[in-house]
C-alpha atoms as a PDB file:
ATOM      1  CA  UNK A   1      -7.074  15.741   9.340  1.00  0.00           C
ATOM      2  CA  UNK A   2      -3.943  14.290  12.266  1.00  0.00           C
ATOM      3  CA  UNK A   3      -2.123  13.127   9.337  1.00  0.00           C
ATOM      4  CA  UNK A   4      -1.520  16.773   8.250  1.00  0.00           C
ATOM      5  CA  UNK A   5      -0.090  17.596  12.158  1.00  0.00           C
ATOM      6  CA  UNK A   6       3.759  16.316  11.155  1.00  0.00           C
ATOM      7  CA  UNK A   7       3.395  18.568   7.852  1.00  0.00           C
ATOM      8  CA  UNK A   8       1.989  21.700   9.499  1.00  0.00           C
ATOM      9  CA  UNK A   9       4.684  21.731  12.431  1.00  0.00           C
ATOM     10  CA  UNK A  10       7.816  21.102   9.918  1.00  0.00           C
ATOM     11  CA  UNK A  11       6.647  23.850   7.740  1.00  0.00           C
ATOM     12  CA  UNK A  12       6.276  25.633  10.950  1.00  0.00           C
ATOM     13  CA  UNK A  13       9.307  25.363  12.300  1.00  0.00           C
ATOM     14  CA  UNK A  14      11.729  23.513  10.449  1.00  0.00           C
ATOM     15  CA  UNK A  15      12.196  23.459   6.625  1.00  0.00           C
ATOM     16  CA  UNK A  16       9.547  23.816   3.913  1.00  0.00           C
ATOM     17  CA  UNK A  17      10.452  22.132   0.998  1.00  0.00           C
ATOM     18  CA  UNK A  18       7.601  22.738  -1.490  1.00  0.00           C
ATOM     19  CA  UNK A  19       8.429  24.706  -4.362  1.00  0.00           C
ATOM     20  CA  UNK A  20       6.556  27.536  -3.889  1.00  0.00           C
ATOM     21  CA  UNK A  21       8.359  28.260  -0.330  1.00  0.00           C
ATOM     22  CA  UNK A  22      11.974  27.110  -1.577  1.00  0.00           C
ATOM     23  CA  UNK A  23      12.593  31.352  -2.634  1.00  0.00           C
ATOM     24  CA  UNK A  24      10.663  32.330   0.925  1.00  0.00           C
ATOM     25  CA  UNK A  25      13.237  29.784   2.866  1.00  0.00           C
ATOM     26  CA  UNK A  26      16.554  30.780   0.402  1.00  0.00           C
ATOM     27  CA  UNK A  27      16.020  34.096   1.740  1.00  0.00           C
ATOM     28  CA  UNK A  28      15.913  33.707   5.435  1.00  0.00           C
ATOM     29  CA  UNK A  29      19.025  34.642   7.673  1.00  0.00           C
ATOM     30  CA  UNK A  30      21.646  32.177   7.875  1.00  0.00           C
ATOM     31  CA  UNK A  31      21.251  31.722  11.352  1.00  0.00           C
ATOM     32  CA  UNK A  32      17.430  31.030  11.226  1.00  0.00           C
ATOM     33  CA  UNK A  33      18.356  28.065   8.194  1.00  0.00           C
ATOM     34  CA  UNK A  34      20.366  26.301  10.416  1.00  0.00           C
ATOM     35  CA  UNK A  35      17.827  26.461  13.024  1.00  0.00           C
ATOM     36  CA  UNK A  36      14.782  25.562  10.705  1.00  0.00           C
ATOM     37  CA  UNK A  37      17.618  22.508   9.316  1.00  0.00           C
ATOM     38  CA  UNK A  38      18.255  21.561  12.923  1.00  0.00           C
ATOM     39  CA  UNK A  39      14.738  21.387  13.344  1.00  0.00           C
ATOM     40  CA  UNK A  40      13.909  19.058  10.330  1.00  0.00           C
ATOM     41  CA  UNK A  41      16.769  16.657  11.804  1.00  0.00           C
ATOM     42  CA  UNK A  42      16.012  16.175  14.988  1.00  0.00           C
ATOM     43  CA  UNK A  43      11.831  16.243  14.195  1.00  0.00           C
ATOM     44  CA  UNK A  44      12.463  13.315  11.104  1.00  0.00           C
ATOM     45  CA  UNK A  45      12.491  10.476  13.612  1.00  0.00           C
ATOM     46  CA  UNK A  46       9.332  11.502  15.066  1.00  0.00           C
ATOM     47  CA  UNK A  47       7.547  12.217  11.972  1.00  0.00           C
ATOM     48  CA  UNK A  48       8.872   8.525  10.357  1.00  0.00           C
ATOM     49  CA  UNK A  49       7.384   7.258  13.199  1.00  0.00           C
ATOM     50  CA  UNK A  50       4.073   8.812  13.097  1.00  0.00           C
ATOM     51  CA  UNK A  51       3.590   8.019   9.334  1.00  0.00           C
ATOM     52  CA  UNK A  52       4.205   4.548  10.002  1.00  0.00           C
ATOM     53  CA  UNK A  53       0.983   4.293  12.123  1.00  0.00           C
ATOM     54  CA  UNK A  54      -1.545   1.441  11.074  1.00  0.00           C
ATOM     55  CA  UNK A  55      -3.842   4.548  10.236  1.00  0.00           C
ATOM     56  CA  UNK A  56      -1.338   6.372   7.974  1.00  0.00           C
ATOM     57  CA  UNK A  57      -1.171   3.229   5.666  1.00  0.00           C
ATOM     58  CA  UNK A  58      -4.623   2.393   5.921  1.00  0.00           C
ATOM     59  CA  UNK A  59      -5.587   5.778   4.501  1.00  0.00           C
ATOM     60  CA  UNK A  60      -2.445   5.584   2.036  1.00  0.00           C
ATOM     61  CA  UNK A  61      -3.808   1.894   1.032  1.00  0.00           C
ATOM     62  CA  UNK A  62      -7.527   3.600   0.538  1.00  0.00           C
ATOM     63  CA  UNK A  63      -6.632   6.492  -1.377  1.00  0.00           C
ATOM     64  CA  UNK A  64      -3.829   5.454  -3.218  1.00  0.00           C
ATOM     65  CA  UNK A  65      -4.884   1.955  -4.677  1.00  0.00           C
ATOM     66  CA  UNK A  66      -7.762  -0.059  -3.154  1.00  0.00           C
ATOM     67  CA  UNK A  67     -10.213   3.488  -3.185  1.00  0.00           C
ATOM     68  CA  UNK A  68     -11.574   2.221   0.368  1.00  0.00           C
ATOM     69  CA  UNK A  69     -10.595   1.561   3.846  1.00  0.00           C
ATOM     70  CA  UNK A  70      -9.468  -1.974   5.182  1.00  0.00           C
ATOM     71  CA  UNK A  71     -12.543  -1.759   7.826  1.00  0.00           C
ATOM     72  CA  UNK A  72     -15.234  -4.493   8.632  1.00  0.00           C
ATOM     73  CA  UNK A  73     -17.691  -4.838  10.563  1.00  0.00           C
ATOM     74  CA  UNK A  74     -19.300  -7.682  12.834  1.00  0.00           C
ATOM     75  CA  UNK A  75     -22.798  -6.784  14.311  1.00  0.00           C
ATOM     76  CA  UNK A  76     -24.375  -9.583  16.296  1.00  0.00           C
ATOM     77  CA  UNK A  77     -28.217 -10.067  15.468  1.00  0.00           C
ATOM     78  CA  UNK A  78     -30.829  -9.730  17.905  1.00  0.00           C
ATOM     79  CA  UNK A  79     -31.105 -14.118  16.935  1.00  0.00           C
ATOM     80  CA  UNK A  80     -27.556 -14.802  17.183  1.00  0.00           C
ATOM     81  CA  UNK A  81     -26.519 -14.536  13.308  1.00  0.00           C
ATOM     82  CA  UNK A  82     -23.376 -12.572  13.123  1.00  0.00           C
ATOM     83  CA  UNK A  83     -23.509 -10.287   9.561  1.00  0.00           C
ATOM     84  CA  UNK A  84     -19.804  -8.952   8.424  1.00  0.00           C
ATOM     85  CA  UNK A  85     -19.801  -6.489   6.383  1.00  0.00           C
ATOM     86  CA  UNK A  86     -17.274  -4.010   4.719  1.00  0.00           C
ATOM     87  CA  UNK A  87     -17.393  -1.010   2.455  1.00  0.00           C
ATOM     88  CA  UNK A  88     -17.736  -3.095  -0.323  1.00  0.00           C
ATOM     89  CA  UNK A  89     -20.097  -5.972   1.001  1.00  0.00           C
ATOM     90  CA  UNK A  90     -23.215  -4.688   2.714  1.00  0.00           C
ATOM     91  CA  UNK A  91     -25.046  -6.219   5.920  1.00  0.00           C
ATOM     92  CA  UNK A  92     -28.554  -6.489   6.069  1.00  0.00           C
ATOM     93  CA  UNK A  93     -30.524  -3.683   6.794  1.00  0.00           C
ATOM     94  CA  UNK A  94     -33.026  -5.706   9.117  1.00  0.00           C
ATOM     95  CA  UNK A  95     -33.859  -9.255   9.857  1.00  0.00           C
ATOM     96  CA  UNK A  96     -36.159 -11.952  10.635  1.00  0.00           C
ATOM     97  CA  UNK A  97     -35.848 -15.328  12.621  1.00  0.00           C
ATOM     98  CA  UNK A  98     -35.144 -18.345  10.078  1.00  0.00           C
ATOM     99  CA  UNK A  99     -38.395 -20.155  10.159  1.00  0.00           C
ATOM    100  CA  UNK A 100     -36.686 -23.544   9.041  1.00  0.00           C
ATOM    101  CA  UNK A 101     -35.017 -23.852  12.974  1.00  0.00           C
ATOM    102  CA  UNK A 102     -38.637 -23.016  14.630  1.00  0.00           C
ATOM    103  CA  UNK A 103     -40.176 -26.572  14.510  1.00  0.00           C
ATOM    104  CA  UNK A 104     -43.864 -26.752  14.922  1.00  0.00           C
ATOM    105  CA  UNK A 105     -43.972 -24.632  18.375  1.00  0.00           C
ATOM    106  CA  UNK A 106     -46.508 -22.158  17.801  1.00  0.00           C
ATOM    107  CA  UNK A 107     -45.170 -19.782  20.273  1.00  0.00           C
ATOM    108  CA  UNK A 108     -42.342 -19.521  18.071  1.00  0.00           C
ATOM    109  CA  UNK A 109     -43.998 -19.525  14.652  1.00  0.00           C
ATOM    110  CA  UNK A 110     -46.024 -16.586  15.669  1.00  0.00           C
ATOM    111  CA  UNK A 111     -42.957 -14.555  17.325  1.00  0.00           C
ATOM    112  CA  UNK A 112     -41.814 -15.620  13.422  1.00  0.00           C
ATOM    113  CA  UNK A 113     -44.376 -13.517  12.095  1.00  0.00           C
ATOM    114  CA  UNK A 114     -43.422 -10.405  13.799  1.00  0.00           C
ATOM    115  CA  UNK A 115     -41.605  -7.425  11.695  1.00  0.00           C
ATOM    116  CA  UNK A 116     -38.209  -7.756  10.772  1.00  0.00           C
ATOM    117  CA  UNK A 117     -35.942  -6.072  13.215  1.00  0.00           C
ATOM    118  CA  UNK A 118     -33.144  -3.423  12.373  1.00  0.00           C
ATOM    119  CA  UNK A 119     -29.653  -4.836  12.162  1.00  0.00           C
ATOM    120  CA  UNK A 120     -28.290  -2.235  14.586  1.00  0.00           C
ATOM    121  CA  UNK A 121     -23.956  -1.740  14.774  1.00  0.00           C
ATOM    122  CA  UNK A 122     -22.234  -0.699  17.808  1.00  0.00           C
ATOM    123  CA  UNK A 123     -19.111   1.236  17.566  1.00  0.00           C
ATOM    124  CA  UNK A 124     -17.042  -1.941  19.083  1.00  0.00           C
ATOM    125  CA  UNK A 125     -18.231  -4.233  16.104  1.00  0.00           C
ATOM    126  CA  UNK A 126     -15.749  -2.010  13.972  1.00  0.00           C
ATOM    127  CA  UNK A 127     -12.113  -2.992  13.181  1.00  0.00           C
ATOM    128  CA  UNK A 128      -9.559  -2.261  10.842  1.00  0.00           C
ATOM    129  CA  UNK A 129      -6.908  -4.699   9.727  1.00  0.00           C
ATOM    130  CA  UNK A 130      -8.205  -7.102  12.401  1.00  0.00           C
ATOM    131  CA  UNK A 131      -7.706  -4.599  15.199  1.00  0.00           C
ATOM    132  CA  UNK A 132     -10.074  -2.290  17.262  1.00  0.00           C
ATOM    133  CA  UNK A 133     -11.079   0.530  15.215  1.00  0.00           C
ATOM    134  CA  UNK A 134     -11.748   3.029  17.863  1.00  0.00           C
ATOM    135  CA  UNK A 135      -8.714   1.669  20.052  1.00  0.00           C
ATOM    136  CA  UNK A 136      -6.597   2.560  16.747  1.00  0.00           C
ATOM    137  CA  UNK A 137      -7.967   6.029  16.378  1.00  0.00           C
ATOM    138  CA  UNK A 138      -7.331   6.845  20.288  1.00  0.00           C
ATOM    139  CA  UNK A 139      -4.015   5.600  19.757  1.00  0.00           C
ATOM    140  CA  UNK A 140      -3.181   7.422  16.541  1.00  0.00           C
ATOM    141  CA  UNK A 141      -4.720  10.744  18.447  1.00  0.00           C
ATOM    142  CA  UNK A 142      -2.410   9.877  21.470  1.00  0.00           C
ATOM    143  CA  UNK A 143       0.657   9.605  19.171  1.00  0.00           C
ATOM    144  CA  UNK A 144      -0.148  12.865  17.353  1.00  0.00           C
ATOM    145  CA  UNK A 145      -0.482  14.158  21.157  1.00  0.00           C
ATOM    146  CA  UNK A 146       3.047  12.718  21.810  1.00  0.00           C
ATOM    147  CA  UNK A 147       4.008  14.336  18.531  1.00  0.00           C
ATOM    148  CA  UNK A 148       3.190  17.824  19.232  1.00  0.00           C
ATOM    149  CA  UNK A 149       4.998  17.871  22.808  1.00  0.00           C
ATOM    150  CA  UNK A 150       8.024  16.243  20.619  1.00  0.00           C
ATOM    151  CA  UNK A 151       8.148  19.038  18.476  1.00  0.00           C
ATOM    152  CA  UNK A 152       7.811  21.605  20.987  1.00  0.00           C
ATOM    153  CA  UNK A 153      10.512  20.291  22.767  1.00  0.00           C
ATOM    154  CA  UNK A 154      12.841  20.068  19.970  1.00  0.00           C
ATOM    155  CA  UNK A 155      11.673  23.982  19.085  1.00  0.00           C
ATOM    156  CA  UNK A 156      12.179  24.975  22.681  1.00  0.00           C
ATOM    157  CA  UNK A 157      15.835  23.678  22.272  1.00  0.00           C
ATOM    158  CA  UNK A 158      16.660  24.401  19.065  1.00  0.00           C
ATOM    159  CA  UNK A 159      15.084  27.898  18.553  1.00  0.00           C
ATOM    160  CA  UNK A 160      14.640  29.194  22.310  1.00  0.00           C
ATOM    161  CA  UNK A 161      13.695  32.614  22.495  1.00  0.00           C
ATOM    162  CA  UNK A 162      15.206  33.195  18.475  1.00  0.00           C
ATOM    163  CA  UNK A 163      11.718  35.058  16.590  1.00  0.00           C
ATOM    164  CA  UNK A 164      11.205  32.957  13.585  1.00  0.00           C
ATOM    165  CA  UNK A 165      10.352  34.422  10.476  1.00  0.00           C
ATOM    166  CA  UNK A 166       6.437  34.252   9.236  1.00  0.00           C
ATOM    167  CA  UNK A 167       6.010  32.706   5.179  1.00  0.00           C
ATOM    168  CA  UNK A 168       5.504  35.448   3.085  1.00  0.00           C
ATOM    169  CA  UNK A 169       2.827  33.489   1.054  1.00  0.00           C
END
């Protein structure tokens, strides 16, 4: 949903270039059309920068090309084994100690007879394109907040106290 923020800002304060809105935009007073075009022009660089964030790119690849995100999980199990998974490669739901490396120690052999333990991922185990997933999400949300702040500043400069016409559709 964060991805929609620049489009919503653009449609509310700048030019809405969608075909259904063309006649509405063309029907605005010339002064408002000029202000909206100025807003769009000044907002363009921020909008493009937002669209180039790695999560936007990952989303586009996921939805329009390969069908799944480039997310990976690396879960270190209770016995030190690292399980690597992705949307197309599952990890085991449980693990047990490998009996081959226990030797003849009765205590280890007894421990190995215990039921399998669940493999439990932590939030920090997930990555996207080799970068921590949740850090990328935080950065994306921070960038969205910066985008909103930039849009407010541009709107104040361009529109000031002038009214904006609400779309009729």
